[in-house]
Amino acid sequence: MTVHVTMLPAAVTPGLEQSSRITSYEDHDGVRYRYLLHDSGALVVRRMQSDEETVTEVVYGPSAWEGVQGDGSIQPHM
């Protein structure tokens, strides 16, 4: 499932439109994105491919994001 992350306004570069607060990681061609929430409050987006290991795509600190939608069922193996 695609993961959509809504950034806090303070984490968005000044001058960008409000719509740029949402960053999406789109599933495609055997690649799937999932997320997990770390105990620290960090949001970790992971990329999974059927023929490769799961890797961390990006980590957002707790003061950078305010919401997330998508599949959050992976386990924290960092």
N, C-alpha and C. Protein backbone atom coordinates (compact mmCIF):
# COMPACT_ATOMS: atom_id res chain seq x y z
N MET A 1 0.84 -1.17 0.00
CA MET A 1 0.00 0.00 0.00
C MET A 1 0.89 1.23 0.00
N THR A 2 0.50 2.22 -0.68
CA THR A 2 1.22 3.48 -0.71
C THR A 2 1.18 4.13 0.67
N VAL A 3 2.26 4.80 1.05
CA VAL A 3 2.34 5.50 2.32
C VAL A 3 2.30 7.00 2.05
N HIS A 4 1.43 7.71 2.76
CA HIS A 4 1.31 9.17 2.65
C HIS A 4 1.68 9.78 3.99
N VAL A 5 2.67 10.66 3.98
CA VAL A 5 3.14 11.32 5.20
C VAL A 5 2.77 12.79 5.12
N THR A 6 2.08 13.29 6.15
CA THR A 6 1.77 14.71 6.23
C THR A 6 2.78 15.35 7.17
N MET A 7 3.51 16.31 6.63
CA MET A 7 4.54 16.99 7.39
C MET A 7 3.94 18.12 8.22
N LEU A 8 4.56 18.44 9.33
CA LEU A 8 4.17 19.61 10.10
C LEU A 8 4.55 20.86 9.30
N PRO A 9 3.75 21.93 9.41
CA PRO A 9 4.06 23.14 8.64
C PRO A 9 5.49 23.66 8.88
N ALA A 10 6.00 23.56 10.08
CA ALA A 10 7.35 24.04 10.38
C ALA A 10 8.44 23.22 9.69
N ALA A 11 8.11 22.01 9.24
CA ALA A 11 9.10 21.14 8.59
C ALA A 11 9.14 21.32 7.08
N VAL A 12 8.24 22.14 6.53
CA VAL A 12 8.17 22.37 5.09
C VAL A 12 8.96 23.63 4.75
N THR A 13 9.71 23.57 3.68
CA THR A 13 10.50 24.71 3.25
C THR A 13 9.61 25.92 3.02
N PRO A 14 9.95 27.07 3.60
CA PRO A 14 9.14 28.28 3.41
C PRO A 14 8.96 28.60 1.92
N GLY A 15 7.77 29.05 1.56
CA GLY A 15 7.48 29.41 0.18
C GLY A 15 6.83 28.30 -0.63
N LEU A 16 6.82 27.09 -0.12
CA LEU A 16 6.16 25.99 -0.83
C LEU A 16 4.67 25.99 -0.49
N GLU A 17 3.87 25.48 -1.40
CA GLU A 17 2.43 25.44 -1.20
C GLU A 17 2.06 24.44 -0.11
N GLN A 18 0.88 24.64 0.50
CA GLN A 18 0.38 23.73 1.53
C GLN A 18 0.29 22.30 1.02
N SER A 19 -0.03 22.11 -0.27
CA SER A 19 -0.16 20.76 -0.81
C SER A 19 1.17 20.00 -0.74
N SER A 20 2.28 20.72 -0.64
CA SER A 20 3.58 20.05 -0.57
C SER A 20 3.85 19.48 0.81
N ARG A 21 2.92 19.66 1.75
CA ARG A 21 3.07 19.07 3.08
C ARG A 21 2.90 17.56 3.04
N ILE A 22 2.31 17.02 1.98
CA ILE A 22 2.09 15.58 1.88
C ILE A 22 3.14 14.98 0.96
N THR A 23 3.86 14.00 1.49
CA THR A 23 4.85 13.26 0.71
C THR A 23 4.34 11.84 0.56
N SER A 24 4.32 11.34 -0.67
CA SER A 24 3.81 9.99 -0.92
C SER A 24 4.91 9.07 -1.43
N TYR A 25 4.85 7.84 -0.96
CA TYR A 25 5.74 6.78 -1.42
C TYR A 25 4.83 5.76 -2.09
N GLU A 26 4.85 5.75 -3.42
CA GLU A 26 3.91 4.97 -4.23
C GLU A 26 4.42 3.57 -4.52
N ASP A 27 3.57 2.57 -4.27
CA ASP A 27 3.88 1.20 -4.66
C ASP A 27 3.95 1.11 -6.18
N HIS A 28 4.88 0.30 -6.70
CA HIS A 28 5.01 0.13 -8.14
C HIS A 28 5.87 -1.08 -8.46
N ASP A 29 5.61 -1.77 -9.53
CA ASP A 29 6.45 -2.84 -10.08
C ASP A 29 7.10 -3.75 -9.03
N GLY A 30 6.31 -4.32 -8.15
CA GLY A 30 6.84 -5.23 -7.15
C GLY A 30 7.46 -4.56 -5.94
N VAL A 31 7.45 -3.24 -5.89
CA VAL A 31 7.97 -2.49 -4.74
C VAL A 31 6.79 -2.05 -3.88
N ARG A 32 6.91 -2.30 -2.58
CA ARG A 32 5.85 -1.89 -1.65
C ARG A 32 6.48 -1.04 -0.55
N TYR A 33 5.73 -0.06 -0.10
CA TYR A 33 6.17 0.80 0.99
C TYR A 33 5.28 0.55 2.20
N ARG A 34 5.91 0.48 3.34
CA ARG A 34 5.20 0.36 4.62
C ARG A 34 5.92 1.24 5.61
N TYR A 35 5.26 1.48 6.73
CA TYR A 35 5.89 2.32 7.74
C TYR A 35 5.81 1.67 9.10
N LEU A 36 6.64 2.17 10.01
CA LEU A 36 6.55 1.78 11.41
C LEU A 36 6.83 3.01 12.25
N LEU A 37 6.32 2.99 13.45
CA LEU A 37 6.56 4.07 14.40
C LEU A 37 7.55 3.57 15.44
N HIS A 38 8.66 4.25 15.53
CA HIS A 38 9.69 3.90 16.49
C HIS A 38 9.27 4.40 17.87
N ASP A 39 9.78 3.78 18.93
CA ASP A 39 9.46 4.19 20.29
C ASP A 39 9.79 5.66 20.56
N SER A 40 10.74 6.21 19.82
CA SER A 40 11.15 7.61 20.00
C SER A 40 10.15 8.59 19.40
N GLY A 41 9.19 8.09 18.62
CA GLY A 41 8.25 8.96 17.92
C GLY A 41 8.63 9.18 16.48
N ALA A 42 9.78 8.65 16.07
CA ALA A 42 10.21 8.77 14.68
C ALA A 42 9.33 7.89 13.79
N LEU A 43 9.12 8.35 12.57
CA LEU A 43 8.36 7.60 11.56
C LEU A 43 9.36 7.05 10.55
N VAL A 44 9.35 5.74 10.36
CA VAL A 44 10.28 5.07 9.46
C VAL A 44 9.49 4.52 8.27
N VAL A 45 9.85 4.93 7.06
CA VAL A 45 9.24 4.40 5.84
C VAL A 45 10.20 3.38 5.26
N ARG A 46 9.70 2.17 5.02
CA ARG A 46 10.55 1.08 4.53
C ARG A 46 10.11 0.67 3.14
N ARG A 47 11.07 0.28 2.31
CA ARG A 47 10.80 -0.18 0.93
C ARG A 47 11.06 -1.68 0.89
N MET A 48 10.10 -2.42 0.35
CA MET A 48 10.21 -3.87 0.26
C MET A 48 10.06 -4.32 -1.18
N GLN A 49 10.95 -5.21 -1.61
CA GLN A 49 10.85 -5.84 -2.91
C GLN A 49 10.90 -7.34 -2.69
N SER A 50 10.22 -8.07 -3.52
CA SER A 50 10.13 -9.51 -3.33
C SER A 50 11.49 -10.20 -3.43
N ASP A 51 12.41 -9.67 -4.23
CA ASP A 51 13.70 -10.33 -4.43
C ASP A 51 14.85 -9.68 -3.66
N GLU A 52 14.55 -8.71 -2.79
CA GLU A 52 15.59 -8.02 -2.04
C GLU A 52 15.18 -7.87 -0.58
N GLU A 53 16.14 -7.49 0.25
CA GLU A 53 15.85 -7.22 1.65
C GLU A 53 15.03 -5.94 1.77
N THR A 54 14.30 -5.85 2.87
CA THR A 54 13.60 -4.61 3.19
C THR A 54 14.63 -3.58 3.63
N VAL A 55 14.52 -2.37 3.09
CA VAL A 55 15.47 -1.31 3.44
C VAL A 55 14.73 -0.06 3.90
N THR A 56 15.39 0.73 4.70
CA THR A 56 14.82 1.99 5.15
C THR A 56 14.92 3.01 4.03
N GLU A 57 13.79 3.58 3.66
CA GLU A 57 13.74 4.62 2.63
C GLU A 57 14.03 5.98 3.25
N VAL A 58 13.36 6.28 4.37
CA VAL A 58 13.50 7.59 5.02
C VAL A 58 13.05 7.47 6.46
N VAL A 59 13.62 8.33 7.32
CA VAL A 59 13.21 8.43 8.71
C VAL A 59 12.87 9.90 8.98
N TYR A 60 11.67 10.13 9.52
CA TYR A 60 11.25 11.47 9.90
C TYR A 60 11.25 11.56 11.42
N GLY A 61 11.91 12.57 11.95
CA GLY A 61 11.92 12.77 13.39
C GLY A 61 10.53 13.15 13.88
N PRO A 62 10.27 13.01 15.18
CA PRO A 62 8.93 13.26 15.71
C PRO A 62 8.47 14.71 15.55
N SER A 63 9.38 15.64 15.35
CA SER A 63 8.97 17.04 15.17
C SER A 63 8.79 17.41 13.70
N ALA A 64 8.88 16.43 12.79
CA ALA A 64 8.76 16.71 11.36
C ALA A 64 7.43 16.27 10.75
N TRP A 65 6.74 15.31 11.35
CA TRP A 65 5.53 14.78 10.72
C TRP A 65 4.36 14.86 11.69
N GLU A 66 3.14 14.96 11.12
CA GLU A 66 1.96 15.01 11.97
C GLU A 66 0.96 13.91 11.68
N GLY A 67 1.06 13.23 10.54
CA GLY A 67 0.13 12.17 10.23
C GLY A 67 0.68 11.24 9.17
N VAL A 68 0.18 10.01 9.17
CA VAL A 68 0.61 9.02 8.18
C VAL A 68 -0.57 8.12 7.86
N GLN A 69 -0.67 7.73 6.59
CA GLN A 69 -1.67 6.78 6.13
C GLN A 69 -0.97 5.74 5.29
N GLY A 70 -1.43 4.52 5.40
CA GLY A 70 -0.85 3.44 4.62
C GLY A 70 -0.78 2.18 5.44
N ASP A 71 0.09 1.28 5.04
CA ASP A 71 0.24 -0.01 5.70
C ASP A 71 1.38 0.10 6.71
N GLY A 72 1.05 -0.07 7.97
CA GLY A 72 2.06 0.05 9.00
C GLY A 72 2.32 -1.24 9.73
N SER A 73 2.28 -2.35 9.01
CA SER A 73 2.33 -3.65 9.68
C SER A 73 3.71 -4.29 9.74
N ILE A 74 4.76 -3.62 9.34
CA ILE A 74 6.07 -4.27 9.41
C ILE A 74 6.66 -4.12 10.80
N GLN A 75 7.57 -4.98 11.13
CA GLN A 75 8.22 -4.97 12.43
C GLN A 75 9.48 -4.12 12.38
N PRO A 76 9.85 -3.50 13.49
CA PRO A 76 11.04 -2.63 13.51
C PRO A 76 12.35 -3.42 13.52
N HIS A 77 12.96 -3.59 12.37
CA HIS A 77 14.27 -4.23 12.23
C HIS A 77 15.20 -3.18 11.65
N MET A 78 15.79 -2.38 12.50
CA MET A 78 16.60 -1.26 12.01
C MET A 78 18.05 -1.47 12.24
